């Protein structure tokens, strides 16, 4: 028995009515209209299912100035640019 089955999902590549089978925290199958017994079933109702949108890159110049003039509290690029512009390094 699966831990989780997500049904009727739309994937980022445009495929629709997709089922996503999850076991032990890992996706074990992605197939159109797939059905199997699961502890939990989630109907995506045609909504987009995608990996988290995350930007893991960093700027080497900023790694040498961490905390100068202060730490980027929000972690956003806009605050990082403002901090860099206010420092004596630019």
Protein backbone atom coordinates (compact mmCIF):
# COMPACT_ATOMS: atom_id res chain seq x y z
CA UNK A 1 0.00 0.00 0.00
CA UNK A 2 1.28 3.45 -0.94
CA UNK A 3 1.75 6.20 1.62
CA UNK A 4 0.28 8.86 -0.69
CA UNK A 5 -1.37 8.93 -4.10
CA UNK A 6 -1.92 12.27 -5.83
CA UNK A 7 -4.47 11.98 -8.62
CA UNK A 8 -5.66 14.23 -11.49
CA UNK A 9 -2.48 16.34 -11.41
CA UNK A 10 -1.15 18.57 -14.17
CA UNK A 11 2.63 18.41 -14.51
CA UNK A 12 4.97 21.27 -15.52
CA UNK A 13 5.55 19.64 -18.94
CA UNK A 14 1.81 19.93 -19.70
CA UNK A 15 0.72 16.34 -19.09
CA UNK A 16 -2.71 16.19 -17.43
CA UNK A 17 -4.66 13.61 -15.42
CA UNK A 18 -1.42 12.30 -13.95
CA UNK A 19 -1.13 10.24 -10.79
CA UNK A 20 1.90 10.47 -8.51
CA UNK A 21 2.62 7.56 -6.19
CA UNK A 22 4.67 8.23 -3.04
CA UNK A 23 6.20 5.61 -0.75
CA UNK A 24 8.61 6.27 2.14
CA UNK A 25 8.85 9.96 1.21
CA UNK A 26 9.89 9.29 -2.40
CA UNK A 27 8.03 9.42 -5.69
CA UNK A 28 7.92 5.84 -6.93
CA UNK A 29 5.69 6.21 -9.99
CA UNK A 30 4.18 8.89 -12.21
CA UNK A 31 1.60 7.63 -14.69
CA UNK A 32 -1.55 8.76 -16.43
CA UNK A 33 -4.71 7.80 -14.53
CA UNK A 34 -2.85 5.40 -12.24
CA UNK A 35 -4.77 4.03 -9.26
CA UNK A 36 -3.58 2.00 -6.27
CA UNK A 37 -4.47 1.56 -2.60
CA UNK A 38 -2.93 4.34 -0.46
CA UNK A 39 -3.07 5.50 3.14
CA UNK A 40 -3.87 8.99 1.83
CA UNK A 41 -5.23 10.06 -1.55
CA UNK A 42 -5.14 13.67 -2.66
CA UNK A 43 -7.18 14.86 -5.65
CA UNK A 44 -5.21 17.67 -7.30
CA UNK A 45 -8.33 18.62 -9.32
CA UNK A 46 -6.25 19.40 -12.40
CA UNK A 47 -3.97 21.86 -10.59
CA UNK A 48 -0.26 22.10 -11.30
CA UNK A 49 1.98 19.85 -9.20
CA UNK A 50 5.66 20.78 -9.36
CA UNK A 51 8.84 20.66 -7.33
CA UNK A 52 9.37 23.70 -5.10
CA UNK A 53 10.55 26.80 -6.92
CA UNK A 54 13.88 27.45 -5.29
CA UNK A 55 16.94 29.34 -6.46
CA UNK A 56 19.97 27.70 -4.82
CA UNK A 57 22.61 29.96 -6.35
CA UNK A 58 24.73 32.43 -4.43
CA UNK A 59 27.12 35.24 -5.24
CA UNK A 60 30.76 34.69 -4.30
CA UNK A 61 31.31 38.41 -3.68
CA UNK A 62 28.58 38.40 -1.01
CA UNK A 63 30.07 35.41 0.82
CA UNK A 64 33.06 37.55 1.76
CA UNK A 65 30.86 40.32 3.14
CA UNK A 66 28.37 38.34 5.24
CA UNK A 67 27.09 40.58 8.01
CA UNK A 68 28.55 43.76 6.49
CA UNK A 69 26.98 46.21 6.99
CA UNK A 70 24.41 43.76 8.44
CA UNK A 71 22.92 40.35 7.71
CA UNK A 72 20.33 40.13 4.92
CA UNK A 73 17.30 39.47 7.16
CA UNK A 74 14.82 38.61 4.41
CA UNK A 75 17.25 36.60 2.31
CA UNK A 76 15.87 38.29 -0.81
CA UNK A 77 17.93 39.50 -3.73
CA UNK A 78 16.48 43.00 -3.44
CA UNK A 79 17.64 43.37 0.15
CA UNK A 80 21.01 41.89 -0.79
CA UNK A 81 21.45 44.47 -3.56
CA UNK A 82 20.49 47.28 -1.18
CA UNK A 83 22.98 46.04 1.43
CA UNK A 84 25.77 45.70 -1.14
CA UNK A 85 25.02 49.20 -2.47
CA UNK A 86 25.16 50.66 1.05
CA UNK A 87 28.48 49.02 1.88
CA UNK A 88 31.86 50.62 1.22
CA UNK A 89 32.77 47.72 -1.10
CA UNK A 90 30.90 48.96 -4.18
